[in-house]
Every structure is written in C-alpha cells, then in structure tokens.
Amino acid sequence: MKETEEKLVAIICDYVDIQPEDVDANMSLKFDIGLDSFGMVSLICTIENEFDISIPDNKLMDFETLNDVTSFIYQEKYVLA
C-alpha cells in the first residue's frame, strides 16, 4: 500500500504546488491540498489511467483525504482484482 500512496502523492504534486514531503495521508484534498471540483475530476482521470482502474462518479464524493483515495485504489487493484 505504501507504493500506491507514494505514486498517488507524486501524481498530486504534479497537480498542485506542493512537495511530496509536505503531503500527509490525512490531508483534505479540498481544504489542505486545494483541489476544486475540476481539479478532482482531472486528478481522478489521471489516477484511472496511471493505476488502470475505473472510479465511478458516485465515489468522487467519498474521497475527502489522500488516504481515502489510496484505500480505494488498493482495494480495486489488489483486493478485488
């Protein structure tokens, strides 16, 4: 799961002006990282491509923190696969 989180942090750092060492798994994607709704949709598209998964639109509202996204990816890639 650590590898998934590290890859996700790298993707997020490409979207916003933040350094990987400043990112915490419990940070709010909206309030701490600063992603608006367009940024979230764009980020989700990149995550889907990078991790070769599909994220249903209704799951977007469940992603409040980096940890929420990491857990979802891990479930899709390694537990439910």
Protein backbone atom coordinates (compact mmCIF):
# COMPACT_ATOMS: atom_id res chain seq x y z
CA MET A 1 0.00 0.00 0.00
CA LYS A 2 2.98 2.30 0.61
CA GLU A 3 3.92 2.11 -3.09
CA THR A 4 0.37 3.08 -4.06
CA GLU A 5 0.47 6.07 -1.70
CA GLU A 6 3.86 7.21 -2.99
CA LYS A 7 2.68 7.05 -6.60
CA LEU A 8 -0.50 8.94 -5.69
CA VAL A 9 1.50 11.63 -3.88
CA ALA A 10 3.67 12.08 -6.98
CA ILE A 11 0.54 12.50 -9.12
CA ILE A 12 -0.94 15.05 -6.72
CA CYS A 13 2.31 17.00 -6.60
CA ASP A 14 2.12 17.30 -10.40
CA TYR A 15 -1.28 18.99 -9.99
CA VAL A 16 -0.58 21.42 -7.18
CA ASP A 17 2.41 23.35 -5.91
CA ILE A 18 3.30 21.06 -3.01
CA GLN A 19 6.35 18.98 -2.20
CA PRO A 20 5.98 15.22 -1.53
CA GLU A 21 7.45 15.58 1.96
CA ASP A 22 4.69 18.08 2.80
CA VAL A 23 1.89 15.67 1.91
CA ASP A 24 0.19 13.69 4.68
CA ALA A 25 -2.25 10.82 4.16
CA ASN A 26 -4.89 12.57 6.26
CA MET A 27 -4.77 15.86 4.36
CA SER A 28 -8.04 17.08 2.91
CA LEU A 29 -7.93 17.06 -0.87
CA LYS A 30 -10.13 20.14 -0.95
CA PHE A 31 -9.01 22.22 2.01
CA ASP A 32 -5.37 21.22 2.60
CA ILE A 33 -4.27 20.38 -0.93
CA GLY A 34 -6.58 22.88 -2.63
CA LEU A 35 -8.30 20.77 -5.27
CA ASP A 36 -11.55 22.23 -6.57
CA SER A 37 -14.16 20.09 -8.35
CA PHE A 38 -12.45 20.48 -11.74
CA GLY A 39 -9.10 19.57 -10.18
CA MET A 40 -10.63 16.48 -8.58
CA VAL A 41 -12.13 15.28 -11.85
CA SER A 42 -8.84 15.85 -13.66
CA LEU A 43 -6.92 14.09 -10.89
CA ILE A 44 -9.31 11.13 -10.96
CA CYS A 45 -8.84 10.76 -14.73
CA THR A 46 -5.08 10.65 -14.25
CA ILE A 47 -5.40 8.14 -11.40
CA GLU A 48 -7.61 5.91 -13.54
CA ASN A 49 -5.00 5.94 -16.31
CA GLU A 50 -1.98 5.51 -14.05
CA PHE A 51 -3.44 2.67 -11.98
CA ASP A 52 -5.55 1.11 -14.77
CA ILE A 53 -8.76 1.26 -12.74
CA SER A 54 -12.21 2.76 -13.15
CA ILE A 55 -13.61 5.06 -10.49
CA PRO A 56 -17.40 5.50 -10.57
CA ASP A 57 -18.62 9.10 -10.50
CA ASN A 58 -20.56 8.47 -7.29
CA LYS A 59 -17.30 7.58 -5.48
CA LEU A 60 -15.83 11.06 -6.01
CA MET A 61 -17.78 12.44 -3.07
CA ASP A 62 -16.26 9.75 -0.83
CA PHE A 63 -12.71 10.98 -1.47
CA GLU A 64 -12.07 13.52 1.24
CA THR A 65 -8.45 12.66 2.06
CA LEU A 66 -5.44 11.18 0.33
CA ASN A 67 -5.93 8.10 2.49
CA ASP A 68 -9.48 7.64 1.10
CA VAL A 69 -8.15 7.59 -2.46
CA THR A 70 -5.22 5.31 -1.56
CA SER A 71 -7.54 2.82 0.14
CA PHE A 72 -9.89 2.76 -2.85
CA ILE A 73 -7.03 2.16 -5.29
CA TYR A 74 -5.60 -0.59 -3.11
CA GLN A 75 -8.99 -2.29 -2.88
CA GLU A 76 -9.54 -2.11 -6.65
CA LYS A 77 -6.03 -3.20 -7.65
CA TYR A 78 -5.14 -5.81 -5.07
CA VAL A 79 -8.12 -6.96 -3.02
CA LEU A 80 -10.99 -7.12 -5.51
CA ALA A 81 -8.87 -7.94 -8.56
